[in-house]
Amino acid sequence: MAENEGPGAGEENDGLHRPLTLSNELSNVVGDGPMGRADVVSGLWDYIKRNDLQDGQEIRADDKLKAVFHKDRVSMFEMNEILSDHLREAR
């Protein structure tokens, strides 16, 4: 198998790992960027689990998450859509 084939090959260039700049609100939850979308989502889930904010398929927003979500509760699916508003191409 060639060096650029197989699992994880070219990760740094794909859409999940390309460095992105985070909004201030999102940085308050997951840390400073730039970081890839996969790392942002992972950090967000770590925060949600650490603070016991998951209620079935919904996420209960504490004050930090309300600044990101702009509402008290979001579904897991809605959360990923909302994240797009807080991520920009890194310069």
N, C-alpha and C. Protein backbone atom coordinates (compact mmCIF):
# COMPACT_ATOMS: atom_id res chain seq x y z
N MET A 1 0.85 -1.18 0.00
CA MET A 1 0.00 0.00 0.00
C MET A 1 0.90 1.24 0.00
N ALA A 2 0.57 2.20 -0.81
CA ALA A 2 1.35 3.43 -0.89
C ALA A 2 1.20 4.23 0.39
N GLU A 3 2.15 5.12 0.62
CA GLU A 3 2.18 5.91 1.84
C GLU A 3 0.94 6.77 2.05
N ASN A 4 0.30 7.25 0.98
CA ASN A 4 -0.85 8.13 1.10
C ASN A 4 -2.17 7.39 0.94
N GLU A 5 -2.18 6.07 1.20
CA GLU A 5 -3.41 5.30 1.12
C GLU A 5 -3.73 4.69 2.47
N GLY A 6 -4.98 4.27 2.64
CA GLY A 6 -5.37 3.57 3.85
C GLY A 6 -5.95 4.50 4.90
N PRO A 7 -6.33 3.91 6.05
CA PRO A 7 -6.95 4.69 7.12
C PRO A 7 -6.07 5.84 7.59
N GLY A 8 -6.65 6.99 7.70
CA GLY A 8 -5.94 8.16 8.20
C GLY A 8 -5.08 8.86 7.18
N ALA A 9 -4.95 8.31 5.99
CA ALA A 9 -4.12 8.93 4.97
C ALA A 9 -4.70 10.27 4.55
N GLY A 10 -3.89 11.28 4.55
CA GLY A 10 -4.32 12.61 4.13
C GLY A 10 -5.27 13.29 5.09
N GLU A 11 -5.34 12.83 6.35
CA GLU A 11 -6.28 13.40 7.31
C GLU A 11 -6.15 14.91 7.44
N GLU A 12 -4.90 15.39 7.46
CA GLU A 12 -4.69 16.81 7.71
C GLU A 12 -5.31 17.68 6.63
N ASN A 13 -5.63 17.11 5.47
CA ASN A 13 -6.19 17.89 4.37
C ASN A 13 -7.69 17.71 4.20
N ASP A 14 -8.29 16.78 4.93
CA ASP A 14 -9.72 16.56 4.72
C ASP A 14 -10.55 17.56 5.53
N GLY A 15 -11.84 17.59 5.28
CA GLY A 15 -12.71 18.56 5.91
C GLY A 15 -12.84 18.44 7.41
N LEU A 16 -12.57 17.27 7.96
CA LEU A 16 -12.69 17.08 9.42
C LEU A 16 -11.46 17.53 10.17
N HIS A 17 -10.32 17.59 9.49
CA HIS A 17 -9.07 17.89 10.18
C HIS A 17 -8.42 19.20 9.75
N ARG A 18 -8.98 19.84 8.72
CA ARG A 18 -8.44 21.12 8.25
C ARG A 18 -8.57 22.15 9.38
N PRO A 19 -7.50 22.89 9.67
CA PRO A 19 -7.55 23.86 10.77
C PRO A 19 -8.61 24.95 10.53
N LEU A 20 -9.40 25.19 11.57
CA LEU A 20 -10.45 26.21 11.53
C LEU A 20 -10.28 27.16 12.71
N THR A 21 -10.69 28.40 12.51
CA THR A 21 -10.71 29.38 13.58
C THR A 21 -12.06 29.29 14.27
N LEU A 22 -12.05 29.30 15.60
CA LEU A 22 -13.28 29.16 16.39
C LEU A 22 -13.76 30.52 16.87
N SER A 23 -15.07 30.66 17.00
CA SER A 23 -15.63 31.87 17.58
C SER A 23 -15.21 31.94 19.05
N ASN A 24 -15.27 33.12 19.63
CA ASN A 24 -14.93 33.27 21.04
C ASN A 24 -15.83 32.41 21.93
N GLU A 25 -17.11 32.35 21.58
CA GLU A 25 -18.07 31.57 22.38
C GLU A 25 -17.70 30.09 22.37
N LEU A 26 -17.35 29.56 21.20
CA LEU A 26 -16.99 28.15 21.10
C LEU A 26 -15.64 27.89 21.76
N SER A 27 -14.71 28.82 21.64
CA SER A 27 -13.40 28.68 22.29
C SER A 27 -13.53 28.58 23.81
N ASN A 28 -14.53 29.26 24.36
CA ASN A 28 -14.76 29.19 25.81
C ASN A 28 -15.17 27.80 26.26
N VAL A 29 -15.66 26.99 25.34
CA VAL A 29 -16.11 25.63 25.66
C VAL A 29 -15.02 24.60 25.36
N VAL A 30 -14.41 24.67 24.18
CA VAL A 30 -13.49 23.61 23.74
C VAL A 30 -12.02 24.01 23.74
N GLY A 31 -11.71 25.26 24.01
CA GLY A 31 -10.32 25.71 23.99
C GLY A 31 -10.02 26.51 22.73
N ASP A 32 -8.85 27.10 22.72
CA ASP A 32 -8.45 27.95 21.61
C ASP A 32 -8.09 27.14 20.37
N GLY A 33 -8.39 27.69 19.23
CA GLY A 33 -8.04 27.09 17.96
C GLY A 33 -6.75 27.67 17.46
N PRO A 34 -6.42 27.45 16.22
CA PRO A 34 -7.24 26.70 15.29
C PRO A 34 -7.20 25.20 15.57
N MET A 35 -8.28 24.54 15.20
CA MET A 35 -8.36 23.08 15.31
C MET A 35 -9.33 22.55 14.28
N GLY A 36 -9.21 21.28 13.98
CA GLY A 36 -10.08 20.65 13.01
C GLY A 36 -11.48 20.43 13.56
N ARG A 37 -12.44 20.30 12.67
CA ARG A 37 -13.82 20.10 13.08
C ARG A 37 -13.97 18.85 13.95
N ALA A 38 -13.24 17.79 13.63
CA ALA A 38 -13.31 16.56 14.42
C ALA A 38 -12.87 16.83 15.87
N ASP A 39 -11.82 17.63 16.05
CA ASP A 39 -11.36 17.96 17.40
C ASP A 39 -12.36 18.86 18.13
N VAL A 40 -13.00 19.75 17.40
CA VAL A 40 -14.02 20.62 17.99
C VAL A 40 -15.19 19.78 18.51
N VAL A 41 -15.68 18.87 17.67
CA VAL A 41 -16.82 18.02 18.05
C VAL A 41 -16.43 17.14 19.24
N SER A 42 -15.23 16.58 19.20
CA SER A 42 -14.75 15.75 20.31
C SER A 42 -14.67 16.56 21.61
N GLY A 43 -14.12 17.76 21.52
CA GLY A 43 -14.03 18.63 22.69
C GLY A 43 -15.39 19.02 23.23
N LEU A 44 -16.32 19.26 22.33
CA LEU A 44 -17.68 19.61 22.73
C LEU A 44 -18.34 18.45 23.47
N TRP A 45 -18.19 17.23 22.94
CA TRP A 45 -18.76 16.06 23.62
C TRP A 45 -18.10 15.81 24.96
N ASP A 46 -16.79 16.04 25.05
CA ASP A 46 -16.11 15.90 26.35
C ASP A 46 -16.72 16.87 27.36
N TYR A 47 -16.95 18.11 26.94
CA TYR A 47 -17.55 19.12 27.82
C TYR A 47 -18.96 18.70 28.24
N ILE A 48 -19.76 18.24 27.28
CA ILE A 48 -21.14 17.83 27.56
C ILE A 48 -21.17 16.68 28.56
N LYS A 49 -20.33 15.69 28.35
CA LYS A 49 -20.29 14.53 29.26
C LYS A 49 -19.74 14.91 30.64
N ARG A 50 -18.68 15.70 30.67
CA ARG A 50 -18.06 16.13 31.94
C ARG A 50 -19.05 16.90 32.81
N ASN A 51 -19.95 17.65 32.15
CA ASN A 51 -20.91 18.48 32.88
C ASN A 51 -22.31 17.87 32.91
N ASP A 52 -22.43 16.60 32.50
CA ASP A 52 -23.69 15.86 32.54
C ASP A 52 -24.84 16.64 31.89
N LEU A 53 -24.62 17.06 30.65
CA LEU A 53 -25.59 17.89 29.95
C LEU A 53 -26.38 17.15 28.87
N GLN A 54 -26.14 15.84 28.74
CA GLN A 54 -26.88 15.07 27.74
C GLN A 54 -28.14 14.50 28.37
N ASP A 55 -29.25 14.66 27.66
CA ASP A 55 -30.55 14.13 28.10
C ASP A 55 -31.13 13.36 26.93
N GLY A 56 -30.80 12.09 26.83
CA GLY A 56 -31.22 11.30 25.67
C GLY A 56 -30.52 11.83 24.44
N GLN A 57 -31.30 12.22 23.43
CA GLN A 57 -30.72 12.77 22.21
C GLN A 57 -30.66 14.28 22.21
N GLU A 58 -30.94 14.87 23.36
CA GLU A 58 -30.87 16.32 23.49
C GLU A 58 -29.72 16.73 24.40
N ILE A 59 -29.23 17.94 24.13
CA ILE A 59 -28.19 18.54 24.94
C ILE A 59 -28.82 19.71 25.69
N ARG A 60 -28.69 19.69 27.02
CA ARG A 60 -29.14 20.82 27.84
C ARG A 60 -28.00 21.83 27.88
N ALA A 61 -28.27 23.05 27.56
CA ALA A 61 -27.23 24.07 27.49
C ALA A 61 -27.06 24.78 28.83
N ASP A 62 -25.82 24.77 29.33
CA ASP A 62 -25.49 25.61 30.47
C ASP A 62 -25.16 26.99 29.91
N ASP A 63 -24.66 27.90 30.73
CA ASP A 63 -24.42 29.27 30.27
C ASP A 63 -23.42 29.32 29.10
N LYS A 64 -22.34 28.52 29.17
CA LYS A 64 -21.36 28.53 28.09
C LYS A 64 -21.96 28.01 26.78
N LEU A 65 -22.75 26.95 26.87
CA LEU A 65 -23.35 26.39 25.65
C LEU A 65 -24.47 27.27 25.11
N LYS A 66 -25.18 27.98 25.99
CA LYS A 66 -26.21 28.90 25.51
C LYS A 66 -25.61 29.98 24.63
N ALA A 67 -24.38 30.39 24.95
CA ALA A 67 -23.70 31.40 24.13
C ALA A 67 -23.41 30.85 22.73
N VAL A 68 -23.24 29.55 22.61
CA VAL A 68 -22.98 28.91 21.32
C VAL A 68 -24.30 28.57 20.61
N PHE A 69 -25.24 27.95 21.33
CA PHE A 69 -26.47 27.44 20.74
C PHE A 69 -27.58 28.49 20.63
N HIS A 70 -27.57 29.49 21.48
CA HIS A 70 -28.62 30.52 21.54
C HIS A 70 -29.98 29.96 21.92
N LYS A 71 -29.99 28.84 22.63
CA LYS A 71 -31.23 28.27 23.16
C LYS A 71 -30.89 27.32 24.29
N ASP A 72 -31.92 26.89 25.02
CA ASP A 72 -31.72 26.05 26.21
C ASP A 72 -31.44 24.59 25.90
N ARG A 73 -31.96 24.09 24.79
CA ARG A 73 -31.79 22.67 24.43
C ARG A 73 -31.61 22.56 22.92
N VAL A 74 -30.77 21.61 22.51
CA VAL A 74 -30.63 21.31 21.08
C VAL A 74 -30.51 19.79 20.92
N SER A 75 -30.90 19.29 19.76
CA SER A 75 -30.71 17.88 19.48
C SER A 75 -29.26 17.66 19.06
N MET A 76 -28.82 16.42 19.13
CA MET A 76 -27.45 16.10 18.71
C MET A 76 -27.23 16.48 17.25
N PHE A 77 -28.25 16.32 16.43
CA PHE A 77 -28.14 16.63 15.00
C PHE A 77 -28.09 18.13 14.77
N GLU A 78 -28.90 18.86 15.50
CA GLU A 78 -28.95 20.31 15.40
C GLU A 78 -27.61 20.92 15.84
N MET A 79 -26.98 20.30 16.82
CA MET A 79 -25.72 20.79 17.35
C MET A 79 -24.68 20.92 16.24
N ASN A 80 -24.59 19.94 15.37
CA ASN A 80 -23.59 19.98 14.29
C ASN A 80 -23.87 21.10 13.30
N GLU A 81 -25.13 21.39 13.03
CA GLU A 81 -25.48 22.51 12.15
C GLU A 81 -25.07 23.83 12.78
N ILE A 82 -25.34 23.98 14.06
CA ILE A 82 -25.03 25.21 14.77
C ILE A 82 -23.53 25.47 14.80
N LEU A 83 -22.74 24.41 14.91
CA LEU A 83 -21.29 24.56 14.96
C LEU A 83 -20.75 25.30 13.74
N SER A 84 -21.36 25.11 12.60
CA SER A 84 -20.89 25.74 11.37
C SER A 84 -20.85 27.26 11.50
N ASP A 85 -21.75 27.82 12.27
CA ASP A 85 -21.79 29.27 12.47
C ASP A 85 -20.62 29.77 13.31
N HIS A 86 -19.92 28.86 13.98
CA HIS A 86 -18.84 29.23 14.88
C HIS A 86 -17.46 28.83 14.37
N LEU A 87 -17.39 28.36 13.12
CA LEU A 87 -16.13 27.90 12.54
C LEU A 87 -15.83 28.64 11.25
N ARG A 88 -14.59 29.09 11.10
CA ARG A 88 -14.15 29.79 9.89
C ARG A 88 -12.82 29.22 9.46
N GLU A 89 -12.51 29.33 8.18
CA GLU A 89 -11.21 28.90 7.67
C GLU A 89 -10.10 29.63 8.43
N ALA A 90 -9.10 28.88 8.88
CA ALA A 90 -7.96 29.49 9.57
C ALA A 90 -7.10 30.22 8.53
N ARG A 91 -6.53 31.31 8.94
CA ARG A 91 -5.67 32.09 8.02
C ARG A 91 -4.23 31.80 8.26
